[in-house]
Protein backbone atom coordinates (compact mmCIF):
# COMPACT_ATOMS: atom_id res chain seq x y z
CA MET A 1 -11.32 101.56 -22.72
CA SER A 2 -9.01 104.05 -20.87
CA ALA A 3 -5.39 104.11 -19.65
CA THR A 4 -4.53 105.15 -16.31
CA VAL A 5 -2.19 107.58 -15.24
CA PRO A 6 0.97 106.34 -13.40
CA VAL A 7 2.15 107.63 -10.27
CA ALA A 8 5.80 108.15 -11.34
CA PRO A 9 6.54 108.19 -14.81
CA PRO A 10 9.23 106.08 -16.54
CA ASP A 11 12.48 107.19 -16.79
CA PHE A 12 12.78 107.67 -20.88
CA ARG A 13 15.90 109.51 -20.77
CA ALA A 14 18.16 106.47 -19.76
CA LEU A 15 16.52 104.47 -22.61
CA THR A 16 17.17 107.07 -25.00
CA THR A 17 21.11 107.28 -23.69
CA LYS A 18 21.27 103.61 -24.34
CA VAL A 19 19.55 104.00 -27.94
CA ARG A 20 22.03 106.72 -28.78
CA ALA A 21 24.93 104.86 -27.71
CA ALA A 22 24.38 101.76 -29.60
CA GLY A 23 24.33 103.81 -32.88
CA LEU A 24 20.49 103.16 -33.32
CA LEU A 25 19.89 106.75 -34.50
CA ASP A 26 22.59 106.72 -36.92
CA ARG A 27 21.51 106.94 -40.60
CA ARG A 28 21.67 103.87 -42.91
CA LEU A 29 22.38 105.26 -46.34
CA GLY A 30 23.41 102.04 -47.52
CA TYR A 31 20.54 100.34 -46.69
CA TYR A 32 18.12 102.88 -48.06
CA ALA A 33 20.24 103.46 -51.30
CA ALA A 34 19.40 99.78 -52.17
CA LYS A 35 16.04 99.90 -51.03
CA ILE A 36 15.06 102.94 -52.87
CA THR A 37 16.93 101.58 -55.97
CA PHE A 38 15.05 98.24 -55.94
CA THR A 39 11.63 99.74 -55.13
CA LEU A 40 11.79 102.44 -57.78
CA GLY A 41 13.38 99.72 -60.30
CA ALA A 42 10.55 97.34 -59.61
CA PHE A 43 7.83 100.11 -60.13
CA ALA A 44 9.38 101.06 -63.23
CA ALA A 45 9.61 97.51 -64.63
CA GLY A 46 5.92 97.09 -63.51
CA TRP A 47 4.92 100.13 -65.89
CA TRP A 48 7.36 98.59 -68.66
CA ALA A 49 5.27 95.31 -68.47
CA PHE A 50 2.24 97.22 -68.64
CA PHE A 51 3.41 98.94 -71.95
CA ALA A 52 4.60 95.54 -73.17
CA LEU A 53 1.33 93.60 -72.73
CA GLY A 54 -0.56 96.50 -74.42
CA ARG A 55 -4.43 95.89 -74.68
CA SER A 56 -4.45 92.87 -72.75
CA TRP A 57 -6.49 91.76 -69.76
CA ALA A 58 -3.19 90.45 -68.29
CA THR A 59 -2.36 94.22 -67.60
CA LEU A 60 -4.72 93.63 -64.44
CA GLY A 61 -2.02 91.29 -63.01
CA VAL A 62 0.18 94.26 -63.53
CA ALA A 63 -2.18 96.31 -61.68
CA VAL A 64 -1.89 93.94 -58.62
CA LEU A 65 2.02 94.29 -58.83
CA LEU A 66 1.74 98.15 -59.16
CA GLY A 67 -0.43 98.23 -56.04
CA ILE A 68 1.92 96.28 -53.79
CA LEU A 69 4.90 98.54 -55.10
CA SER A 70 2.73 101.67 -54.38
CA THR A 71 2.25 100.74 -50.89
CA GLN A 72 6.27 99.95 -50.68
CA LEU A 73 6.91 103.50 -51.98
CA GLY A 74 4.69 104.77 -49.38
CA PHE A 75 6.67 103.02 -46.66
CA LEU A 76 9.79 105.09 -48.24
CA GLY A 77 7.66 108.22 -47.94
CA HIS A 78 7.01 107.25 -44.52
CA ASP A 79 10.49 107.20 -43.47
CA ALA A 80 11.34 110.20 -45.23
CA GLY A 81 8.80 112.20 -43.33
CA HIS A 82 10.35 111.04 -40.11
CA ARG A 83 13.69 112.14 -41.39
CA GLN A 84 14.98 108.53 -41.05
CA ILE A 85 16.77 108.52 -44.41
CA PHE A 86 18.89 111.51 -44.65
CA ARG A 87 20.21 114.16 -42.20
CA SER A 88 19.05 117.09 -44.55
CA PRO A 89 15.31 117.97 -43.85
CA LYS A 90 15.21 119.31 -47.44
CA ALA A 91 16.51 115.83 -48.81
CA ASN A 92 13.94 114.02 -47.04
CA ARG A 93 11.03 116.43 -48.18
CA LEU A 94 12.32 116.01 -51.86
CA LEU A 95 12.16 112.18 -51.55
CA GLY A 96 8.71 112.43 -49.74
CA LEU A 97 7.37 114.51 -52.81
CA LEU A 98 8.73 112.15 -55.32
CA VAL A 99 7.35 109.14 -53.93
CA GLY A 100 4.23 110.79 -52.50
CA ASN A 101 3.15 113.46 -54.92
CA GLY A 102 4.73 112.13 -57.88
CA LEU A 103 4.60 108.33 -58.11
CA ILE A 104 1.67 107.58 -55.70
CA GLY A 105 -0.70 110.61 -56.03
CA LEU A 106 -0.82 111.45 -52.07
CA SER A 107 0.07 114.89 -50.69
CA PHE A 108 3.14 114.50 -48.85
CA GLY A 109 2.83 118.26 -47.23
CA TRP A 110 -0.77 117.33 -46.01
CA TRP A 111 0.14 113.83 -44.31
CA VAL A 112 3.40 114.77 -42.79
CA PRO A 113 1.61 117.04 -39.99
CA LYS A 114 -1.29 114.80 -39.99
CA HIS A 115 0.86 111.92 -38.91
CA ASN A 116 3.10 113.88 -36.52
CA ALA A 117 -0.10 114.80 -34.73
CA HIS A 118 -0.93 110.91 -34.61
CA HIS A 119 2.45 110.62 -33.20
CA ALA A 120 2.05 113.42 -30.62
CA HIS A 121 -1.04 111.86 -29.23
CA PRO A 122 -1.82 108.25 -30.20
CA ASN A 123 -5.24 106.96 -29.75
CA GLY A 124 -6.09 110.38 -28.13
CA ILE A 125 -9.73 111.04 -28.66
CA GLY A 126 -10.11 114.50 -30.28
CA ARG A 127 -6.29 114.69 -30.77
CA ASP A 128 -5.33 112.06 -32.85
CA PRO A 129 -6.63 112.64 -36.34
CA ASP A 130 -6.53 108.72 -37.00
CA VAL A 131 -8.92 108.35 -34.28
CA GLY A 132 -12.59 109.16 -35.35
CA VAL A 133 -16.06 108.10 -34.88
CA GLY A 134 -18.18 105.37 -36.22
CA LEU A 135 -16.57 102.85 -38.20
CA ILE A 136 -13.21 102.81 -36.64
CA GLY A 137 -14.94 102.31 -33.05
CA ALA A 138 -13.71 105.31 -31.30
CA PRO A 139 -16.89 107.56 -30.69
CA SER A 140 -16.18 110.83 -29.41
CA PRO A 141 -17.58 112.39 -26.06
CA ASP A 142 -19.70 114.64 -28.25
CA ASP A 143 -21.10 112.07 -30.43
CA GLN A 144 -25.00 112.58 -30.85
CA GLY A 145 -25.52 108.95 -31.68
CA TRP A 146 -25.58 106.85 -34.77
CA GLY A 147 -29.22 107.70 -35.32
CA ALA A 148 -28.60 110.59 -37.95
CA SER A 149 -29.48 108.36 -40.66
CA ARG A 150 -30.43 104.96 -41.27
CA LEU A 151 -27.42 104.17 -43.20
CA ALA A 152 -24.98 105.38 -40.58
CA GLY A 153 -26.92 103.47 -38.15
CA TRP A 154 -26.68 100.34 -40.11
CA MET A 155 -22.94 100.76 -41.01
CA ALA A 156 -22.22 101.36 -37.23
CA ARG A 157 -23.96 98.32 -36.47
CA ARG A 158 -21.91 96.25 -38.70
CA GLN A 159 -18.60 98.02 -38.44
CA ALA A 160 -16.82 94.83 -37.90
CA GLU A 161 -18.29 93.15 -41.05
CA LEU A 162 -17.29 96.22 -43.30
CA PHE A 163 -13.75 96.63 -41.76
CA PHE A 164 -11.95 94.95 -44.83
CA PRO A 165 -14.59 96.04 -47.37
CA LEU A 166 -14.22 99.62 -46.57
CA MET A 167 -10.30 99.13 -46.83
CA LEU A 168 -10.99 99.15 -50.43
CA LEU A 169 -11.59 103.14 -50.00
CA ARG A 170 -8.72 103.82 -47.89
CA SER A 171 -6.46 105.30 -50.90
CA THR A 172 -9.53 107.43 -51.87
CA GLY A 173 -10.20 108.93 -48.54
CA LEU A 174 -6.48 109.92 -48.46
CA TYR A 175 -6.48 111.41 -52.05
CA ILE A 176 -9.48 113.83 -51.23
CA SER A 177 -8.24 114.87 -47.95
CA GLY A 178 -4.82 115.83 -49.56
CA ILE A 179 -6.36 117.57 -52.27
CA GLN A 180 -8.82 119.39 -49.73
CA ASP A 181 -5.74 120.42 -47.79
CA LEU A 182 -4.11 121.76 -50.93
CA ILE A 183 -7.06 123.82 -52.08
CA ARG A 184 -7.17 125.54 -48.76
CA ARG A 185 -3.43 126.41 -48.40
CA ARG A 186 -1.86 129.08 -50.57
CA ASP A 187 1.64 129.03 -49.73
CA ARG A 188 4.56 128.18 -52.21
CA ALA A 189 4.74 124.78 -51.00
CA ALA A 190 1.33 123.81 -51.66
CA ILE A 191 1.35 125.32 -55.25
CA ALA A 192 4.37 123.09 -55.98
CA GLU A 193 2.47 120.24 -54.61
CA ARG A 194 -0.33 120.88 -56.68
CA VAL A 195 1.59 120.99 -59.86
CA VAL A 196 3.19 117.61 -59.00
CA LEU A 197 0.10 116.00 -58.25
CA THR A 198 -1.72 117.46 -61.56
CA LEU A 199 1.16 116.04 -63.48
CA HIS A 200 0.97 112.82 -61.69
CA ALA A 201 -2.92 112.42 -62.52
CA ALA A 202 -2.32 113.48 -66.00
CA LEU A 203 0.44 111.02 -66.79
CA TYR A 204 -1.30 108.17 -65.13
CA LEU A 205 -4.61 108.68 -66.62
CA THR A 206 -2.91 109.42 -70.12
CA ALA A 207 -0.86 106.13 -70.06
CA VAL A 208 -3.71 104.02 -68.96
CA PHE A 209 -6.30 105.01 -71.46
CA TRP A 210 -3.95 105.50 -74.31
CA VAL A 211 -2.86 101.75 -73.95
CA LEU A 212 -6.25 100.36 -72.79
CA PRO A 213 -9.72 100.62 -73.96
CA PRO A 214 -12.05 102.40 -71.63
CA VAL A 215 -13.55 99.40 -69.89
CA GLN A 216 -10.21 97.60 -69.37
CA GLY A 217 -8.70 100.94 -68.47
CA ILE A 218 -11.25 101.65 -65.79
CA ALA A 219 -10.64 98.07 -64.59
CA PHE A 220 -6.98 98.56 -64.58
CA VAL A 221 -7.37 101.61 -62.15
CA ALA A 222 -9.88 99.90 -60.09
CA VAL A 223 -7.55 97.08 -59.21
CA HIS A 224 -4.53 99.14 -59.01
CA GLN A 225 -6.07 101.43 -56.30
CA ALA A 226 -7.92 98.64 -54.70
CA VAL A 227 -4.74 96.59 -53.97
CA PHE A 228 -3.05 99.88 -52.93
CA SER A 229 -5.73 100.73 -50.67
CA VAL A 230 -6.15 97.37 -48.89
CA TYR A 231 -2.49 96.69 -48.33
CA LEU A 232 -1.98 100.10 -47.06
CA GLY A 233 -4.86 99.98 -44.82
CA CYS A 234 -4.00 96.47 -43.40
CA SER A 235 -0.48 97.72 -42.83
CA PHE A 236 -1.59 100.42 -40.48
CA ALA A 237 -4.85 98.84 -38.88
CA PRO A 238 -3.02 96.29 -36.39
CA ASN A 239 -0.88 98.95 -35.03
CA HIS A 240 -3.27 100.98 -32.81
CA LYS A 241 -6.85 99.73 -33.24
CA GLY A 242 -8.19 97.87 -30.44
CA MET A 243 -5.40 99.28 -28.20
CA PRO A 244 -6.54 101.71 -25.17
CA LEU A 245 -7.97 105.03 -26.00
CA ILE A 246 -7.01 108.00 -24.06
CA ASP A 247 -9.16 110.85 -23.09
CA GLY A 248 -7.81 114.14 -24.76
CA ASP A 249 -7.25 115.80 -21.29
CA CYS A 250 -5.57 112.87 -19.75
CA GLU A 251 -1.94 113.68 -18.19
CA MET A 252 0.34 110.73 -19.20
CA SER A 253 4.09 110.55 -19.63
CA PHE A 254 5.52 110.45 -23.23
CA ALA A 255 6.62 106.83 -23.06
CA ARG A 256 3.78 105.39 -21.34
CA ARG A 257 1.61 106.84 -23.71
CA GLN A 258 3.36 105.55 -26.71
CA VAL A 259 3.93 101.92 -25.34
CA VAL A 260 0.24 101.41 -24.02
CA THR A 261 -1.66 102.50 -27.41
CA ALA A 262 0.72 100.53 -29.82
CA ARG A 263 1.08 96.82 -30.75
CA ASN A 264 3.76 94.99 -32.26
CA ILE A 265 3.50 92.37 -35.03
CA THR A 266 5.53 89.19 -34.63
CA GLY A 267 7.26 87.47 -37.65
CA GLY A 268 10.66 87.75 -39.10
CA TRP A 269 12.26 89.32 -42.32
CA TRP A 270 9.04 88.86 -44.04
CA THR A 271 7.07 90.56 -41.78
CA ASN A 272 9.49 93.48 -41.88
CA LEU A 273 9.26 93.57 -45.72
CA VAL A 274 5.56 93.27 -45.73
CA PHE A 275 4.77 95.98 -43.14
CA GLY A 276 7.53 98.30 -43.93
CA GLY A 277 9.05 98.24 -40.24
CA LEU A 278 5.70 99.26 -39.20
CA ASN A 279 5.40 95.88 -37.37
CA PHE A 280 7.97 97.28 -34.66
CA GLN A 281 5.29 99.82 -33.72
CA ILE A 282 6.30 100.42 -30.25
CA GLU A 283 10.14 101.25 -30.95
CA HIS A 284 8.95 103.33 -33.60
CA HIS A 285 6.61 105.55 -31.75
CA LEU A 286 9.12 105.94 -28.78
CA PHE A 287 11.77 106.91 -31.51
CA PRO A 288 10.23 107.93 -34.68
CA ALA A 289 13.65 108.94 -36.29
CA ILE A 290 15.06 105.46 -35.87
CA PRO A 291 15.91 104.12 -39.36
CA ARG A 292 13.82 101.17 -40.23
CA PRO A 293 16.80 98.72 -40.39
CA ASN A 294 17.51 99.48 -36.73
CA LEU A 295 14.39 98.94 -35.12
CA ALA A 296 14.74 95.31 -34.49
CA ARG A 297 18.03 96.13 -32.82
CA ALA A 298 16.28 98.36 -30.52
CA GLN A 299 13.63 95.98 -29.49
CA HIS A 300 15.74 94.07 -26.68
CA LEU A 301 16.52 97.57 -25.34
CA VAL A 302 12.80 98.71 -25.24
CA ARG A 303 11.62 95.25 -23.88
CA ALA A 304 14.03 95.81 -20.94
CA PHE A 305 12.84 99.34 -20.38
CA CYS A 306 9.02 98.29 -20.38
CA ALA A 307 9.66 95.52 -18.06
CA GLU A 308 11.65 97.81 -15.60
CA ASN A 309 8.78 100.34 -15.68
CA GLY A 310 5.84 98.02 -15.68
CA LEU A 311 4.68 98.78 -19.01
CA THR A 312 2.79 96.09 -20.98
CA TYR A 313 4.76 95.38 -24.22
CA CYS A 314 1.94 94.16 -26.72
CA GLU A 315 3.22 91.81 -29.41
CA GLU A 316 0.81 89.66 -31.41
CA SER A 317 1.05 87.68 -34.47
CA VAL A 318 -0.51 89.29 -37.83
CA THR A 319 -3.72 86.97 -37.32
CA ALA A 320 -4.08 87.56 -33.73
CA SER A 321 -4.01 91.27 -34.26
CA PHE A 322 -6.50 91.42 -36.89
CA ARG A 323 -8.77 89.23 -34.43
CA GLN A 324 -8.36 91.71 -31.62
CA VAL A 325 -9.11 94.56 -34.00
CA ILE A 326 -12.45 92.83 -35.23
CA ARG A 327 -13.48 91.95 -31.60
CA HIS A 328 -12.76 95.36 -30.63
CA LEU A 329 -15.08 96.71 -33.45
CA ARG A 330 -17.94 94.16 -32.51
CA LEU A 331 -17.79 95.27 -28.78
CA THR A 332 -17.91 98.85 -29.92
CA ALA A 333 -20.67 98.40 -32.16
CA SER A 334 -22.59 96.79 -29.46
CA LEU A 335 -21.76 99.44 -26.77
CA ASP A 336 -22.35 102.22 -28.60
CA ALA A 337 -25.71 101.29 -30.68
CA PRO A 338 -28.39 103.91 -30.07
CA PRO A 339 -31.10 103.26 -27.60
CA PRO A 340 -34.51 102.34 -28.96
CA GLU A 341 -35.90 105.82 -28.46
CA ARG A 342 -33.17 107.44 -30.46
CA ARG A 343 -33.59 104.97 -33.70
CA ALA A 344 -35.10 106.40 -36.71
CA PRO A 345 -38.80 105.52 -36.72
CA ALA A 346 -39.91 102.69 -39.15
CA PRO A 347 -41.88 104.09 -42.23
């Protein structure tokens, strides 16, 4: 599915002027002070409960809580990466390193440029790092088919059914990609990140296996990471999956590219909390620096802008958005399955 090039690009400058005049780009330090304090306090309380329970299977309940809070910390890291919180780039980076490298174990320095590339070319084939081949349903023009192995072919044909199970590996992939990037980089920032990540891993594993016996410790880590992976993956998946893909060399205005590739999630304050503001994906992509609590206020301006310029403003419920994602994966699997002559021969 490809988006078409408009005859005349929408006048994005007028919308930017309105957003700035409404004060929507102003920092919300009070909101973020309360949000950071509450989230860090809840995270600390979760670990206090872990130590208080000790050698008990009840700690698996704490693992669920910490998985949820790890994702909420990730949302704060996301906001810091877009410089939504502080005016100072250094302050945003320090917060991102604290929650990313220090508390979650993900490389903030690797994630920020990757995520910025996604914002620059959302759903751009060959340019958006979040768009790949196979299981996410976006084959590249150079793809040689699914027949490289029977396992790859089997997974490709069942990518819709495997979508949620493979969410369990989401955090593992992020950990590995971040570590690989830090190994390649030799700058001072990378060295500092390695130190913080090493301290995180050492403290995390020491705490878990000092308090819990091996079997319970492994179960705790598995539950914690599984909840974190699924929650994080399900927070990002509805935003762009199943929306139009754009050829890498397609010329398109910034505003049109950001709007036609994004999907908002309806809901209310509960949806805002659960999705960390990512439910306002269109507004966020048009203005990445808008602080999270201002996104809802920007919505009526963006809706009017889209209506005036003939841009489809996509907004769905949580369940409807996931149905669209699964439907897209099923369609992609059927369209991109290899022809019979390219399938691996039967033994």
